[in-house]
Amino acid sequence: MAEKGSDLIYEVCCVFCKDDNVNWEATVYCKQCSKGLCDECVKYHKKLYKTHSTLRREDKKMWPVVDTT
């Protein structure tokens, strides 16, 4: 059976996975979209939005407060 993400509660979840009722931690924040993305979704995001600036998890203190609801 395929997993649909973790049962853990993350500080910031990936918005695209959350739309599909999947719970994955956001590891990247896109400044232009104002959204958190998981490692898998950020691959597609980078291809679609090459000019967008992102912040990695190491820079999380620079992420603004992200709405996770």
N, C-alpha and C. Protein backbone atom coordinates (compact mmCIF):
# COMPACT_ATOMS: atom_id res chain seq x y z
N MET A 1 0.84 -1.17 0.00
CA MET A 1 0.00 0.00 0.00
C MET A 1 0.89 1.24 0.00
N ALA A 2 0.59 2.18 -0.86
CA ALA A 2 1.36 3.42 -0.95
C ALA A 2 1.00 4.35 0.20
N GLU A 3 2.02 5.00 0.72
CA GLU A 3 1.79 5.95 1.79
C GLU A 3 1.34 7.28 1.22
N LYS A 4 0.53 7.99 1.98
CA LYS A 4 0.05 9.29 1.53
C LYS A 4 0.71 10.41 2.32
N GLY A 5 1.89 10.17 2.84
CA GLY A 5 2.57 11.18 3.63
C GLY A 5 2.63 10.76 5.08
N SER A 6 3.18 11.61 5.86
CA SER A 6 3.41 11.30 7.26
C SER A 6 2.21 11.64 8.13
N ASP A 7 2.13 10.96 9.28
CA ASP A 7 1.13 11.30 10.27
C ASP A 7 1.62 12.41 11.20
N LEU A 8 2.86 12.84 10.99
CA LEU A 8 3.43 13.91 11.80
C LEU A 8 2.77 15.24 11.45
N ILE A 9 2.80 16.14 12.39
CA ILE A 9 2.30 17.49 12.14
C ILE A 9 3.52 18.38 11.94
N TYR A 10 3.59 19.01 10.78
CA TYR A 10 4.73 19.85 10.45
C TYR A 10 4.41 21.31 10.69
N GLU A 11 5.46 22.07 10.95
CA GLU A 11 5.30 23.51 11.13
C GLU A 11 4.77 24.14 9.84
N VAL A 12 5.33 23.71 8.69
CA VAL A 12 4.88 24.18 7.38
C VAL A 12 4.75 22.97 6.47
N CYS A 13 3.57 22.76 5.90
CA CYS A 13 3.34 21.66 4.97
C CYS A 13 3.42 22.15 3.54
N CYS A 14 3.73 21.25 2.63
CA CYS A 14 3.75 21.55 1.20
C CYS A 14 2.31 21.86 0.77
N VAL A 15 2.11 23.03 0.15
CA VAL A 15 0.76 23.43 -0.23
C VAL A 15 0.17 22.56 -1.34
N PHE A 16 1.01 22.10 -2.26
CA PHE A 16 0.51 21.29 -3.37
C PHE A 16 0.13 19.89 -2.90
N CYS A 17 0.93 19.31 -2.04
CA CYS A 17 0.58 18.00 -1.48
C CYS A 17 -0.66 18.11 -0.60
N LYS A 18 -0.74 19.19 0.17
CA LYS A 18 -1.89 19.39 1.05
C LYS A 18 -3.19 19.46 0.25
N ASP A 19 -3.13 20.08 -0.94
CA ASP A 19 -4.31 20.14 -1.81
C ASP A 19 -4.79 18.75 -2.21
N ASP A 20 -3.86 17.78 -2.22
CA ASP A 20 -4.20 16.39 -2.56
C ASP A 20 -4.37 15.54 -1.31
N ASN A 21 -4.54 16.19 -0.15
CA ASN A 21 -4.71 15.49 1.13
C ASN A 21 -3.52 14.61 1.49
N VAL A 22 -2.33 15.09 1.15
CA VAL A 22 -1.09 14.40 1.49
C VAL A 22 -0.31 15.33 2.42
N ASN A 23 0.30 14.76 3.45
CA ASN A 23 1.00 15.54 4.45
C ASN A 23 2.52 15.37 4.31
N TRP A 24 3.18 16.34 3.68
CA TRP A 24 4.64 16.35 3.57
C TRP A 24 5.15 17.69 4.04
N GLU A 25 6.30 17.68 4.68
CA GLU A 25 6.90 18.91 5.18
C GLU A 25 7.43 19.78 4.04
N ALA A 26 7.20 21.06 4.12
CA ALA A 26 7.78 22.01 3.17
C ALA A 26 9.25 22.18 3.52
N THR A 27 10.11 21.98 2.54
CA THR A 27 11.55 22.14 2.74
C THR A 27 12.09 23.36 2.00
N VAL A 28 11.23 23.98 1.20
CA VAL A 28 11.60 25.15 0.41
C VAL A 28 10.44 26.14 0.48
N TYR A 29 10.77 27.42 0.48
CA TYR A 29 9.76 28.47 0.45
C TYR A 29 9.99 29.31 -0.79
N CYS A 30 8.95 29.49 -1.61
CA CYS A 30 9.04 30.34 -2.80
C CYS A 30 8.59 31.74 -2.41
N LYS A 31 9.49 32.72 -2.61
CA LYS A 31 9.18 34.10 -2.24
C LYS A 31 8.09 34.70 -3.12
N GLN A 32 8.07 34.37 -4.40
CA GLN A 32 7.07 34.94 -5.30
C GLN A 32 5.69 34.32 -5.08
N CYS A 33 5.63 33.04 -4.87
CA CYS A 33 4.34 32.35 -4.65
C CYS A 33 3.86 32.46 -3.20
N SER A 34 4.79 32.76 -2.29
CA SER A 34 4.49 32.78 -0.85
C SER A 34 3.95 31.44 -0.39
N LYS A 35 4.60 30.36 -0.87
CA LYS A 35 4.15 29.00 -0.56
C LYS A 35 5.34 28.14 -0.15
N GLY A 36 5.05 27.16 0.71
CA GLY A 36 6.03 26.15 1.08
C GLY A 36 5.89 24.95 0.17
N LEU A 37 7.02 24.34 -0.18
CA LEU A 37 7.04 23.19 -1.09
C LEU A 37 7.90 22.07 -0.53
N CYS A 38 7.49 20.83 -0.79
CA CYS A 38 8.31 19.68 -0.41
C CYS A 38 9.39 19.45 -1.47
N ASP A 39 10.31 18.54 -1.19
CA ASP A 39 11.41 18.26 -2.13
C ASP A 39 10.91 17.81 -3.49
N GLU A 40 9.85 17.02 -3.53
CA GLU A 40 9.33 16.52 -4.80
C GLU A 40 8.66 17.62 -5.61
N CYS A 41 7.81 18.40 -4.98
CA CYS A 41 7.08 19.45 -5.69
C CYS A 41 8.00 20.58 -6.16
N VAL A 42 9.05 20.85 -5.41
CA VAL A 42 9.95 21.95 -5.80
C VAL A 42 10.65 21.63 -7.12
N LYS A 43 10.83 20.36 -7.45
CA LYS A 43 11.44 19.99 -8.74
C LYS A 43 10.58 20.50 -9.90
N TYR A 44 9.29 20.31 -9.80
CA TYR A 44 8.37 20.76 -10.85
C TYR A 44 8.23 22.28 -10.84
N HIS A 45 8.19 22.83 -9.65
CA HIS A 45 8.07 24.28 -9.51
C HIS A 45 9.25 24.98 -10.19
N LYS A 46 10.46 24.45 -10.00
CA LYS A 46 11.65 25.06 -10.61
C LYS A 46 11.59 25.02 -12.13
N LYS A 47 11.01 23.97 -12.68
CA LYS A 47 10.88 23.88 -14.14
C LYS A 47 9.85 24.86 -14.68
N LEU A 48 8.77 25.04 -13.95
CA LEU A 48 7.70 25.94 -14.40
C LEU A 48 8.01 27.41 -14.15
N TYR A 49 8.68 27.68 -13.06
CA TYR A 49 8.90 29.07 -12.64
C TYR A 49 10.40 29.32 -12.43
N LYS A 50 11.13 29.34 -13.51
CA LYS A 50 12.59 29.43 -13.45
C LYS A 50 13.10 30.72 -12.82
N THR A 51 12.31 31.78 -12.87
CA THR A 51 12.77 33.06 -12.33
C THR A 51 12.40 33.28 -10.86
N HIS A 52 11.67 32.35 -10.27
CA HIS A 52 11.27 32.50 -8.86
C HIS A 52 12.45 32.24 -7.94
N SER A 53 12.48 32.97 -6.85
CA SER A 53 13.53 32.82 -5.83
C SER A 53 12.99 31.95 -4.70
N THR A 54 13.81 31.02 -4.24
CA THR A 54 13.40 30.13 -3.16
C THR A 54 14.39 30.20 -2.01
N LEU A 55 13.89 29.85 -0.85
CA LEU A 55 14.71 29.75 0.36
C LEU A 55 14.67 28.30 0.83
N ARG A 56 15.83 27.73 1.13
CA ARG A 56 15.92 26.35 1.61
C ARG A 56 15.60 26.28 3.11
N ARG A 57 15.49 25.09 3.60
CA ARG A 57 15.20 24.84 5.02
C ARG A 57 16.25 25.49 5.92
N GLU A 58 17.49 25.52 5.47
CA GLU A 58 18.56 26.12 6.26
C GLU A 58 18.31 27.62 6.49
N ASP A 59 17.52 28.23 5.62
CA ASP A 59 17.19 29.65 5.73
C ASP A 59 15.80 29.87 6.31
N LYS A 60 15.30 28.88 7.03
CA LYS A 60 13.91 28.92 7.51
C LYS A 60 13.63 30.14 8.38
N LYS A 61 14.63 30.64 9.07
CA LYS A 61 14.41 31.82 9.90
C LYS A 61 14.05 33.04 9.05
N MET A 62 14.33 32.98 7.75
CA MET A 62 13.99 34.08 6.83
C MET A 62 12.62 33.88 6.18
N TRP A 63 12.00 32.70 6.38
CA TRP A 63 10.67 32.46 5.83
C TRP A 63 9.67 33.32 6.60
N PRO A 64 8.76 33.98 5.91
CA PRO A 64 7.70 34.68 6.65
C PRO A 64 6.74 33.66 7.24
N VAL A 65 5.82 34.11 8.04
CA VAL A 65 4.80 33.21 8.57
C VAL A 65 3.97 32.73 7.39
N VAL A 66 3.83 31.41 7.27
CA VAL A 66 3.12 30.81 6.15
C VAL A 66 1.79 30.28 6.65
N ASP A 67 0.71 30.61 5.94
CA ASP A 67 -0.61 30.11 6.29
C ASP A 67 -0.69 28.64 5.93
N THR A 68 -0.92 27.77 6.91
CA THR A 68 -0.98 26.34 6.66
C THR A 68 -2.40 25.80 6.70
N THR A 69 -3.38 26.68 6.77
CA THR A 69 -4.77 26.21 6.85
C THR A 69 -5.36 26.03 5.48
